[in-house]
Amino acid sequence: MNTTKTKASGSQPKNTLGIYCHIPFCKKKCAYCDFTSFSAQGEERIGEYFDALEKEIRRHKEINGVLPAVDTIYLGGGTPSSVAPGYIEKTLSLIKEVFMIEDTAEITVEINPGTLTEEKASRYKKAGINRISMGLQAWQDFLLQILGRIHSQSDFIKSMEILKNAGFSNISVDVMVGLPGQKRSDVMATLIALMSFAPTHLSCYSLILEPGTPMANWVAAGQLNLPNEDEEREMHWAVDAFLKEQGYDHYEISSYCKPGYQSRHNIKYWELVPYLGFGLGAHGYFNSRRYGNTNALSQYIDVIKAGESPATLEAEMTPREMMSEWMFLGLRKLCGIRDSDFFARFGQSYWDRYGEVIKPLIADGLLNWDGSFLKLTPKGQDFGNQVFMAFL
């Protein structure tokens, strides 16, 4: 299969597009989730949604005409693997009909253990999907239960076996740290167990308590206790040391990969490269404008049925806004950002535009300048939000 390797680079992006399609359906909504997703939707409603998604995709092409070639497609959610595989096949077939897709395009689908079958995996492969993103989160069943996940450790093992047997080799796994009741030993046990499956990519991120979610309410009521900041930081650096020992590159704050297996689609977000977002609550960046679709399911379907756009279009970004986003998004990459790339894009050095912002961050040990690249230090990784906010 095509493993769609790429090298991380700060170079000027080529003229290609990414496509994100949101599949908002789940078997059950997790206790920490505030994403645009819904459980217990009937087949008729799911069919209505995919009909609307098709109309949205076709409408975009009718309005914008010839577009650059697409080199990444990402089907996210929700849980795309919770719906019948025919919907995924139809969506990909439509995208290939409407857009020009590069032969080496990275095509990713998100799945959750407990929703994958041998039939789905086989059909995904035949449809052209060549990258899987699987949400494990934790190896321990007691933590999965706290999170409200529908799967168990054994479900994950079965799903990995199904994927391997179907011929998938480019597999990313999500792992969370800072969970209620989680210890550093739990995190390390998760990683050690994962090594036997040889994932090509790992997303290792901290739990964020979003207001209004059940888990946020439980923590506020004292029913669950989170690790403190120092304990969470220890987890992060234990993950970092272990994965580097195992041959993974730490290429973005929360992302690790075997050499050549960066998420090409996510890199577009960090390098301010155009991408189209389709589906409920999806966001895009196109023609120097950001836009976001409504996250109300009935409104999304009704608006599209009426032949209108579900998107709210922001004003065209000013050069100053683009520079700001280029800096704070680009600094998420551990390779950093190169001044010559900033100059090629904006016609000036980032030292001229942001010198008075950069210098104090270097003095505080949050950023490092090596003569070509500006990048986060280890301390800067711990206090990344402080660094990013400085460029807003």
Protein backbone atom coordinates (compact mmCIF):
# COMPACT_ATOMS: atom_id res chain seq x y z
CA MET A 1 0.00 0.00 0.00
CA ASN A 2 0.98 3.64 -0.29
CA THR A 3 2.32 4.72 3.09
CA THR A 4 2.38 8.39 2.01
CA LYS A 5 5.63 9.41 3.64
CA THR A 6 6.66 13.02 3.90
CA LYS A 7 9.44 15.02 5.47
CA ALA A 8 8.73 17.84 7.87
CA SER A 9 9.71 21.09 6.27
CA GLY A 10 9.43 24.79 6.86
CA SER A 11 9.58 25.45 3.14
CA GLN A 12 6.97 27.39 1.20
CA PRO A 13 3.96 25.06 0.75
CA LYS A 14 3.10 23.88 -2.74
CA ASN A 15 -0.19 24.81 -4.35
CA THR A 16 -2.40 21.99 -3.06
CA LEU A 17 -5.52 21.68 -0.95
CA GLY A 18 -6.53 19.56 1.99
CA ILE A 19 -10.09 18.38 2.56
CA TYR A 20 -11.69 17.69 5.93
CA CYS A 21 -15.11 15.98 6.14
CA HIS A 22 -16.90 15.79 9.46
CA ILE A 23 -18.89 12.68 10.33
CA PRO A 24 -20.73 13.71 13.53
CA PHE A 25 -22.15 10.36 14.61
CA CYS A 26 -21.05 8.22 17.57
CA LYS A 27 -22.30 5.14 19.35
CA LYS A 28 -22.03 7.12 22.59
CA LYS A 29 -20.71 10.56 23.46
CA CYS A 30 -17.67 10.44 25.78
CA ALA A 31 -17.79 12.18 29.14
CA TYR A 32 -15.09 14.71 28.21
CA CYS A 33 -16.20 15.44 24.64
CA ASP A 34 -17.54 18.80 23.47
CA PHE A 35 -17.01 18.11 19.76
CA THR A 36 -19.91 18.39 17.35
CA SER A 37 -21.17 14.83 17.62
CA PHE A 38 -24.38 12.95 18.29
CA SER A 39 -25.31 9.48 19.44
CA ALA A 40 -28.49 7.45 18.90
CA GLN A 41 -29.30 8.89 15.47
CA GLY A 42 -31.49 6.70 13.28
CA GLU A 43 -30.47 5.47 9.84
CA GLU A 44 -32.88 7.87 8.16
CA ARG A 45 -31.26 10.87 9.86
CA ILE A 46 -27.78 9.63 9.00
CA GLY A 47 -28.84 9.24 5.37
CA GLU A 48 -30.22 12.80 5.35
CA TYR A 49 -26.93 14.07 6.68
CA PHE A 50 -24.82 12.39 4.00
CA ASP A 51 -27.20 13.66 1.31
CA ALA A 52 -26.64 17.20 2.65
CA LEU A 53 -22.88 16.62 2.80
CA GLU A 54 -22.90 15.61 -0.86
CA LYS A 55 -24.81 18.75 -1.84
CA GLU A 56 -22.39 20.94 0.13
CA ILE A 57 -19.36 19.42 -1.62
CA ARG A 58 -20.89 19.78 -5.06
CA ARG A 59 -22.02 23.36 -4.34
CA HIS A 60 -18.50 24.40 -3.38
CA LYS A 61 -17.12 23.18 -6.70
CA GLU A 62 -19.93 24.88 -8.66
CA ILE A 63 -19.15 28.21 -7.00
CA ASN A 64 -15.35 28.06 -7.10
CA GLY A 65 -14.67 26.19 -10.32
CA VAL A 66 -11.21 24.73 -10.96
CA LEU A 67 -9.25 24.25 -7.74
CA PRO A 68 -5.71 23.09 -6.90
CA ALA A 69 -5.08 19.37 -6.59
CA VAL A 70 -5.98 17.74 -3.27
CA ASP A 71 -3.17 15.91 -1.50
CA THR A 72 -4.76 15.17 1.90
CA ILE A 73 -8.25 14.01 2.82
CA TYR A 74 -9.29 13.55 6.44
CA LEU A 75 -12.58 11.97 7.55
CA GLY A 76 -13.03 12.89 11.20
CA GLY A 77 -15.74 13.00 13.78
CA GLY A 78 -17.53 11.94 15.80
CA THR A 79 -16.73 8.39 14.88
CA PRO A 80 -16.71 7.75 11.12
CA SER A 81 -16.38 4.01 11.76
CA SER A 82 -19.73 4.03 13.61
CA VAL A 83 -21.69 4.46 10.36
CA ALA A 84 -22.21 1.91 7.60
CA PRO A 85 -19.13 1.67 5.33
CA GLY A 86 -21.20 2.59 2.29
CA TYR A 87 -21.40 6.17 3.52
CA ILE A 88 -17.62 6.41 3.72
CA GLU A 89 -17.20 4.84 0.28
CA LYS A 90 -19.78 7.20 -1.25
CA THR A 91 -18.16 10.27 0.31
CA LEU A 92 -14.69 9.37 -0.93
CA SER A 93 -16.02 8.52 -4.39
CA LEU A 94 -17.74 11.90 -4.51
CA ILE A 95 -14.57 13.77 -3.49
CA LYS A 96 -12.63 11.96 -6.20
CA GLU A 97 -15.33 12.85 -8.73
CA VAL A 98 -15.51 16.54 -7.82
CA PHE A 99 -11.84 17.29 -7.09
CA MET A 100 -8.51 16.41 -8.66
CA ILE A 101 -6.80 14.05 -6.21
CA GLU A 102 -3.06 13.45 -6.31
CA ASP A 103 -2.01 9.82 -6.71
CA THR A 104 0.03 10.02 -3.50
CA ALA A 105 -2.69 11.73 -1.46
CA GLU A 106 -2.82 10.89 2.24
CA ILE A 107 -6.36 9.70 3.00
CA THR A 108 -7.17 9.27 6.70
CA VAL A 109 -10.23 7.99 8.52
CA GLU A 110 -10.77 8.15 12.27
CA ILE A 111 -11.99 5.00 13.95
CA ASN A 112 -12.72 3.92 17.49
CA PRO A 113 -12.26 0.39 18.83
CA GLY A 114 -15.57 -1.36 19.21
CA THR A 115 -16.92 0.08 15.95
CA LEU A 116 -14.56 -1.56 13.44
CA THR A 117 -15.34 -4.82 11.64
CA GLU A 118 -13.39 -6.87 9.13
CA GLU A 119 -15.85 -5.81 6.44
CA LYS A 120 -15.41 -2.11 7.19
CA ALA A 121 -11.61 -2.35 7.19
CA SER A 122 -11.61 -4.21 3.88
CA ARG A 123 -13.95 -1.70 2.27
CA TYR A 124 -11.97 1.26 3.60
CA LYS A 125 -8.84 -0.18 2.03
CA LYS A 126 -10.53 -0.74 -1.34
CA ALA A 127 -11.95 2.81 -1.22
CA GLY A 128 -8.40 4.21 -1.13
CA ILE A 129 -7.97 4.99 2.55
CA ASN A 130 -4.28 4.59 3.40
CA ARG A 131 -4.02 6.01 6.92
CA ILE A 132 -5.95 5.19 10.10
CA SER A 133 -6.29 7.34 13.21
CA MET A 134 -7.51 5.24 16.15
CA GLY A 135 -8.70 6.59 19.48
CA LEU A 136 -7.29 4.37 22.22
CA GLN A 137 -6.76 7.08 24.90
CA ALA A 138 -5.64 4.65 27.63
CA TRP A 139 -4.71 0.97 27.97
CA GLN A 140 -6.42 0.50 31.34
CA ASP A 141 -10.10 -0.43 31.32
CA PHE A 142 -10.82 1.53 34.50
CA LEU A 143 -9.62 4.74 32.81
CA LEU A 144 -11.64 3.98 29.67
CA GLN A 145 -14.71 3.62 31.86
CA ILE A 146 -14.06 6.97 33.55
CA LEU A 147 -13.75 8.59 30.12
CA GLY A 148 -17.04 7.04 29.01
CA ARG A 149 -15.43 5.19 26.13
CA ILE A 150 -17.45 2.34 24.62
CA HIS A 151 -14.42 0.11 24.09
CA SER A 152 -12.16 -2.01 26.24
CA GLN A 153 -8.51 -2.94 25.97
CA SER A 154 -9.49 -6.19 24.24
CA ASP A 155 -11.54 -4.23 21.67
CA PHE A 156 -8.45 -2.19 20.79
CA ILE A 157 -6.36 -5.34 20.36
CA LYS A 158 -9.00 -6.84 18.08
CA SER A 159 -9.25 -3.64 16.03
CA MET A 160 -5.48 -3.53 15.50
CA GLU A 161 -5.52 -7.15 14.35
CA ILE A 162 -8.32 -6.35 11.89
CA LEU A 163 -6.39 -3.38 10.47
CA LYS A 164 -3.16 -5.33 10.08
CA ASN A 165 -4.97 -8.21 8.39
CA ALA A 166 -6.64 -5.73 6.00
CA GLY A 167 -3.21 -4.43 4.96
CA PHE A 168 -3.06 -1.11 6.82
CA SER A 169 0.43 -0.19 7.97
CA ASN A 170 0.16 3.59 8.50
CA ILE A 171 -1.73 3.74 11.80
CA SER A 172 -1.88 6.61 14.28
CA VAL A 173 -3.05 6.06 17.86
CA ASP A 174 -4.40 8.70 20.27
CA VAL A 175 -3.23 8.61 23.90
CA MET A 176 -4.33 10.95 26.68
CA VAL A 177 -2.48 12.07 29.81
CA GLY A 178 -3.70 13.94 32.87
CA LEU A 179 -6.79 11.76 33.28
CA PRO A 180 -8.68 11.43 36.58
CA GLY A 181 -7.03 8.71 38.64
CA GLN A 182 -4.21 8.25 36.11
CA LYS A 183 -0.65 7.74 37.31
CA ARG A 184 2.62 8.01 35.45
CA SER A 185 2.91 4.21 35.61
CA ASP A 186 -0.43 3.94 33.77
CA VAL A 187 0.83 6.18 30.97
CA MET A 188 4.02 4.18 30.60
CA ALA A 189 2.13 0.88 30.63
CA THR A 190 -0.03 2.22 27.78
CA LEU A 191 3.01 3.15 25.70
CA ILE A 192 4.85 -0.09 26.40
CA ALA A 193 1.79 -2.08 25.33
CA LEU A 194 1.43 -0.02 22.16
CA MET A 195 4.97 -0.75 21.00
CA SER A 196 4.02 -4.34 20.19
CA PHE A 197 1.62 -2.95 17.54
CA ALA A 198 4.25 -0.65 15.98
CA PRO A 199 2.03 2.39 15.29
CA THR A 200 3.63 4.81 12.84
CA HIS A 201 2.22 7.85 14.65
CA LEU A 202 1.08 8.77 18.15
CA SER A 203 -0.94 11.78 19.25
CA CYS A 204 -0.25 12.24 22.97
CA TYR A 205 -2.27 15.07 24.41
CA SER A 206 -3.56 16.29 27.75
CA LEU A 207 -7.15 16.09 28.87
CA ILE A 208 -8.86 19.47 28.58
CA LEU A 209 -11.96 19.92 30.71
CA GLU A 210 -14.49 21.71 28.54
CA PRO A 211 -17.23 23.60 30.41
CA GLY A 212 -20.56 21.84 30.42
CA THR A 213 -19.23 18.34 29.76
CA PRO A 214 -20.12 15.63 32.30
CA MET A 215 -16.48 15.16 33.27
CA ALA A 216 -16.00 18.88 33.94
CA ASN A 217 -19.06 18.77 36.18
CA TRP A 218 -17.79 15.69 38.04
CA VAL A 219 -14.41 17.30 38.70
CA ALA A 220 -16.06 20.54 39.85
CA ALA A 221 -18.23 18.54 42.25
CA GLY A 222 -15.18 16.76 43.69
CA GLN A 223 -16.26 13.36 42.34
CA LEU A 224 -13.07 12.99 40.30
CA ASN A 225 -9.54 14.19 41.00
CA LEU A 226 -7.08 15.20 38.31
CA PRO A 227 -3.28 14.91 38.50
CA ASN A 228 -1.72 18.23 39.46
CA GLU A 229 0.32 20.30 36.98
CA ASP A 230 3.65 18.88 38.13
CA GLU A 231 2.40 15.31 37.84
CA GLU A 232 0.99 15.97 34.38
CA ARG A 233 4.27 17.57 33.31
CA GLU A 234 6.15 14.49 34.52
CA MET A 235 3.83 12.33 32.43
CA HIS A 236 4.53 14.46 29.35
CA TRP A 237 8.30 14.24 29.68
CA ALA A 238 8.18 10.52 30.48
CA VAL A 239 6.24 10.05 27.23
CA ASP A 240 8.74 12.21 25.36
CA ALA A 241 11.80 10.31 26.62
CA PHE A 242 10.28 6.88 26.04
CA LEU A 243 9.04 7.52 22.51
CA LYS A 244 12.33 9.07 21.44
CA GLU A 245 14.12 5.97 22.75
CA GLN A 246 11.76 3.91 20.59
CA GLY A 247 12.72 5.85 17.46
CA TYR A 248 9.84 8.30 17.23
CA ASP A 249 10.34 11.92 16.17
CA HIS A 250 8.66 14.56 18.32
CA TYR A 251 7.60 16.85 15.48
CA GLU A 252 4.73 18.82 17.03
CA ILE A 253 3.81 19.55 20.64
CA SER A 254 1.38 16.62 20.87
CA SER A 255 2.56 14.52 17.93
CA TYR A 256 5.18 11.77 17.52
CA CYS A 257 5.93 9.68 14.47
CA LYS A 258 8.30 7.21 12.95
CA PRO A 259 10.58 9.06 10.49
CA GLY A 260 8.59 10.11 7.44
CA TYR A 261 5.13 9.50 8.92
CA GLN A 262 4.04 12.98 9.97
CA SER A 263 0.36 13.76 9.58
CA ARG A 264 0.47 15.62 6.28
CA HIS A 265 -3.07 16.87 6.79
CA ASN A 266 -2.43 18.35 10.24
CA ILE A 267 0.72 20.05 9.00
CA LYS A 268 -1.54 22.13 6.74
CA TYR A 269 -3.20 23.59 9.83
CA TRP A 270 0.14 24.54 11.36
CA GLU A 271 1.58 26.04 8.18
CA LEU A 272 -1.48 28.11 7.21
CA VAL A 273 -2.07 26.11 4.02
CA PRO A 274 -5.56 26.22 2.44
CA TYR A 275 -7.96 23.43 3.28
CA LEU A 276 -11.68 22.93 2.79
CA GLY A 277 -13.99 21.84 5.59
CA PHE A 278 -17.24 20.06 4.77
CA GLY A 279 -19.94 18.84 7.10
CA LEU A 280 -21.52 19.83 10.38
CA GLY A 281 -19.35 22.20 12.42
CA ALA A 282 -16.44 21.86 9.96
CA HIS A 283 -13.97 24.71 9.53
CA GLY A 284 -11.88 25.68 6.54
CA TYR A 285 -9.32 28.20 5.37
CA PHE A 286 -9.63 29.22 1.73
CA ASN A 287 -8.87 32.38 -0.28
CA SER A 288 -7.35 33.98 2.85
CA ARG A 289 -10.60 33.57 4.76
CA ARG A 290 -11.55 31.27 7.58
CA TYR A 291 -15.07 29.88 7.74
CA GLY A 292 -17.07 27.60 9.97
CA ASN A 293 -20.24 25.63 9.35
CA THR A 294 -23.18 25.64 11.71
CA ASN A 295 -23.03 22.93 14.37
CA ALA A 296 -26.82 22.52 14.59
CA LEU A 297 -27.72 19.31 12.77
CA SER A 298 -31.24 20.26 11.66
CA GLN A 299 -30.11 23.70 10.54
CA TYR A 300 -27.23 22.24 8.54
CA ILE A 301 -29.54 19.87 6.66
CA ASP A 302 -32.31 22.45 6.13
CA VAL A 303 -29.99 25.22 4.91
CA ILE A 304 -28.37 22.95 2.35
CA LYS A 305 -31.75 21.64 1.19
CA ALA A 306 -32.65 25.29 0.54
CA GLY A 307 -29.59 25.64 -1.69
CA GLU A 308 -27.73 27.91 0.72
CA SER A 309 -24.36 27.71 2.43
CA PRO A 310 -24.11 26.40 6.02
CA ALA A 311 -20.94 28.44 6.56
CA THR A 312 -20.25 31.71 8.31
CA LEU A 313 -17.47 33.39 6.34
CA GLU A 314 -15.02 35.55 8.23
CA ALA A 315 -13.54 38.72 6.77
CA GLU A 316 -10.46 38.27 4.61
CA MET A 317 -7.46 37.99 6.87
CA THR A 318 -5.21 41.03 6.93
CA PRO A 319 -1.46 40.55 6.39
CA ARG A 320 -0.97 41.27 10.09
CA GLU A 321 -3.45 38.54 11.08
CA MET A 322 -1.81 36.07 8.70
CA MET A 323 1.62 36.82 10.15
CA SER A 324 0.31 36.32 13.67
CA GLU A 325 -1.28 32.96 12.87
CA TRP A 326 1.77 31.83 10.90
CA MET A 327 3.92 32.45 13.98
CA PHE A 328 1.85 30.89 16.74
CA LEU A 329 0.66 27.93 14.66
CA GLY A 330 4.11 27.29 13.20
CA LEU A 331 5.74 27.29 16.63
CA ARG A 332 3.72 24.19 17.48
CA LYS A 333 6.18 22.31 15.25
CA LEU A 334 9.24 21.22 17.17
CA CYS A 335 11.50 21.96 14.20
CA GLY A 336 10.43 25.57 14.62
CA ILE A 337 9.91 28.23 11.99
CA ARG A 338 12.49 29.61 9.62
CA ASP A 339 12.92 33.34 9.08
CA SER A 340 13.62 32.88 5.37
CA ASP A 341 10.20 31.19 4.97
CA PHE A 342 8.50 34.07 6.75
CA PHE A 343 10.30 36.50 4.44
CA ALA A 344 9.31 34.52 1.34
CA ARG A 345 5.68 34.65 2.38
CA PHE A 346 5.38 38.16 3.83
CA GLY A 347 8.28 40.15 2.39
CA GLN A 348 9.94 40.93 5.71
CA SER A 349 11.83 39.24 8.52
CA TYR A 350 9.93 38.08 11.56
CA TRP A 351 12.62 39.85 13.56
CA ASP A 352 11.46 43.15 12.05
CA ARG A 353 7.81 42.39 12.80
CA TYR A 354 8.09 40.54 16.11
CA GLY A 355 11.56 41.23 17.44
CA GLU A 356 10.25 42.91 20.58
CA VAL A 357 8.05 39.89 21.24
CA ILE A 358 10.68 37.26 20.50
CA LYS A 359 13.55 38.70 22.54
CA PRO A 360 11.83 38.49 25.97
CA LEU A 361 10.66 34.95 25.21
CA ILE A 362 14.25 33.95 24.45
CA ALA A 363 15.45 35.69 27.60
CA ASP A 364 12.85 33.76 29.64
CA GLY A 365 14.08 30.47 28.17
CA LEU A 366 10.85 29.79 26.27
CA LEU A 367 12.22 30.14 22.73
CA ASN A 368 15.55 29.33 21.13
CA TRP A 369 17.10 30.93 18.03
CA ASP A 370 19.79 28.89 16.28
CA GLY A 371 20.54 31.38 13.51
CA SER A 372 17.96 29.93 11.12
CA PHE A 373 15.05 28.52 13.11
CA LEU A 374 13.06 29.88 16.01
CA LYS A 375 11.70 27.05 18.13
CA LEU A 376 10.23 26.17 21.51
CA THR A 377 12.62 25.11 24.26
CA PRO A 378 11.58 22.31 26.62
CA LYS A 379 10.38 25.00 29.02
CA GLY A 380 8.53 26.60 26.11
CA GLN A 381 6.71 23.33 25.50
CA ASP A 382 5.52 23.36 29.11
CA PHE A 383 4.27 26.92 28.74
CA GLY A 384 3.30 26.85 25.07
CA ASN A 385 0.11 28.86 25.50
CA GLN A 386 2.10 31.71 27.03
CA VAL A 387 4.34 31.75 23.94
CA PHE A 388 1.50 31.52 21.44
CA MET A 389 -0.55 34.26 23.11
CA ALA A 390 2.40 36.63 22.81
CA PHE A 391 1.95 36.69 19.02
CA LEU A 392 -1.77 37.44 19.03
